[in-house]
Protein backbone atom coordinates (compact mmCIF):
# COMPACT_ATOMS: atom_id res chain seq x y z
CA UNK A 1 -3.66 -13.17 5.15
CA UNK A 2 -1.48 -12.17 2.21
CA UNK A 3 -2.44 -9.61 -0.42
CA UNK A 4 -0.82 -8.31 -3.56
CA UNK A 5 -0.65 -4.88 -5.11
CA UNK A 6 -0.63 -4.92 -8.89
CA UNK A 7 1.19 -1.75 -9.94
CA UNK A 8 -0.34 0.23 -12.84
CA UNK A 9 1.69 3.44 -12.43
CA UNK A 10 4.58 3.90 -12.70
CA UNK A 11 4.12 1.70 -15.77
CA UNK A 12 7.79 0.61 -15.71
CA UNK A 13 7.80 -0.58 -12.07
CA UNK A 14 9.32 -4.01 -11.51
CA UNK A 15 10.06 -5.78 -8.26
CA UNK A 16 13.21 -7.82 -7.59
CA UNK A 17 11.59 -10.74 -9.42
CA UNK A 18 10.89 -8.70 -12.57
CA UNK A 19 7.10 -8.38 -12.18
CA UNK A 20 4.80 -5.45 -11.37
CA UNK A 21 3.47 -7.12 -8.20
CA UNK A 22 4.17 -6.28 -4.57
CA UNK A 23 3.19 -9.03 -2.13
CA UNK A 24 2.72 -8.62 1.60
CA UNK A 25 0.25 -8.31 4.44
CA UNK A 26 -2.22 -5.74 5.65
CA UNK A 27 -0.92 -5.06 9.13
CA UNK A 28 -3.36 -2.35 10.22
CA UNK A 29 -6.64 -0.90 9.03
CA UNK A 30 -6.52 2.67 10.32
CA UNK A 31 -10.05 3.44 9.14
CA UNK A 32 -12.30 2.60 6.19
CA UNK A 33 -10.22 4.91 3.93
CA UNK A 34 -6.67 4.04 5.05
CA UNK A 35 -4.66 0.91 5.73
CA UNK A 36 -1.03 -0.02 6.33
CA UNK A 37 0.54 -2.66 4.10
CA UNK A 38 3.89 -4.35 4.79
CA UNK A 39 5.57 -5.77 1.70
CA UNK A 40 7.48 -9.05 1.77
CA UNK A 41 10.50 -7.36 0.18
CA UNK A 42 12.20 -4.02 0.61
CA UNK A 43 10.99 -1.62 -2.11
CA UNK A 44 12.88 1.48 -3.27
CA UNK A 45 10.87 4.28 -4.90
CA UNK A 46 11.61 8.00 -5.28
CA UNK A 47 14.69 7.77 -3.07
CA UNK A 48 12.87 6.01 -0.22
CA UNK A 49 13.44 2.35 0.70
CA UNK A 50 10.93 0.66 2.97
CA UNK A 51 8.51 -2.23 3.44
CA UNK A 52 5.69 -0.08 4.84
CA UNK A 53 3.02 1.59 2.72
CA UNK A 54 -0.14 3.59 3.41
CA UNK A 55 -2.97 2.75 1.00
CA UNK A 56 -6.05 4.83 0.20
CA UNK A 57 -8.94 3.91 -2.15
CA UNK A 58 -8.79 5.94 -5.37
CA UNK A 59 -12.56 6.12 -5.75
CA UNK A 60 -14.71 8.07 -3.31
CA UNK A 61 -17.26 5.27 -3.05
CA UNK A 62 -14.68 2.56 -2.20
CA UNK A 63 -13.54 1.66 1.30
CA UNK A 64 -11.55 -1.00 3.14
CA UNK A 65 -14.42 -3.01 4.55
CA UNK A 66 -13.92 -6.72 5.14
CA UNK A 67 -16.09 -7.49 2.12
CA UNK A 68 -14.26 -5.13 -0.23
CA UNK A 69 -10.88 -6.58 0.74
CA UNK A 70 -12.08 -9.94 -0.56
CA UNK A 71 -12.07 -8.46 -4.08
CA UNK A 72 -9.93 -5.91 -5.90
CA UNK A 73 -9.76 -2.21 -4.92
CA UNK A 74 -7.99 0.49 -6.92
CA UNK A 75 -5.61 2.33 -4.57
CA UNK A 76 -3.19 5.22 -4.20
CA UNK A 77 -0.04 3.93 -2.52
CA UNK A 78 2.30 6.01 -0.37
CA UNK A 79 5.66 4.69 0.82
CA UNK A 80 6.42 5.55 4.43
CA UNK A 81 9.65 7.44 5.02
CA UNK A 82 10.01 5.80 8.44
CA UNK A 83 9.13 2.48 10.03
CA UNK A 84 5.46 2.07 10.92
CA UNK A 85 4.74 1.83 14.65
CA UNK A 86 1.47 0.74 16.25
CA UNK A 87 -0.38 3.78 17.44
CA UNK A 88 0.90 6.19 14.78
CA UNK A 89 -1.83 8.68 14.09
CA UNK A 90 -3.14 9.54 10.64
CA UNK A 91 -1.32 12.89 10.49
CA UNK A 92 2.03 11.27 11.36
CA UNK A 93 1.54 8.67 8.63
CA UNK A 94 0.55 11.23 6.00
CA UNK A 95 3.39 13.62 6.91
CA UNK A 96 5.91 10.77 6.75
CA UNK A 97 4.97 9.29 3.40
CA UNK A 98 5.41 9.94 -0.33
CA UNK A 99 2.91 9.12 -3.10
CA UNK A 100 4.54 6.50 -5.35
CA UNK A 101 2.05 4.07 -6.93
CA UNK A 102 -1.39 3.68 -8.47
CA UNK A 103 -2.51 0.08 -8.42
CA UNK A 104 -4.99 -2.53 -7.26
CA UNK A 105 -4.89 -4.51 -4.02
CA UNK A 106 -6.36 -7.99 -3.88
CA UNK A 107 -6.17 -11.13 -1.78
CA UNK A 108 -3.64 -13.74 -2.86
């Protein structure tokens, strides 16, 4: 299932197609407060180039339940500084990522 991230901050973000949208797939839901998103295109932000992102809900009351992923969720987006591997633990993901985007994730 494909999703899109609509980028709010940085306000001047554009993808290779000139829009503020990153498309891709949720490849892993780590827990109700963290998921891994793989973009369709390579994205370069803050000196890091990758397709893998860790997403966290911005609001305390939001989570990544099946129902909530059917609508829009405001998220903090971190680009991974390495390739995501199945079985990476939460600490490894957090230590190997950089905060880059505020946006909304929704189903395409």
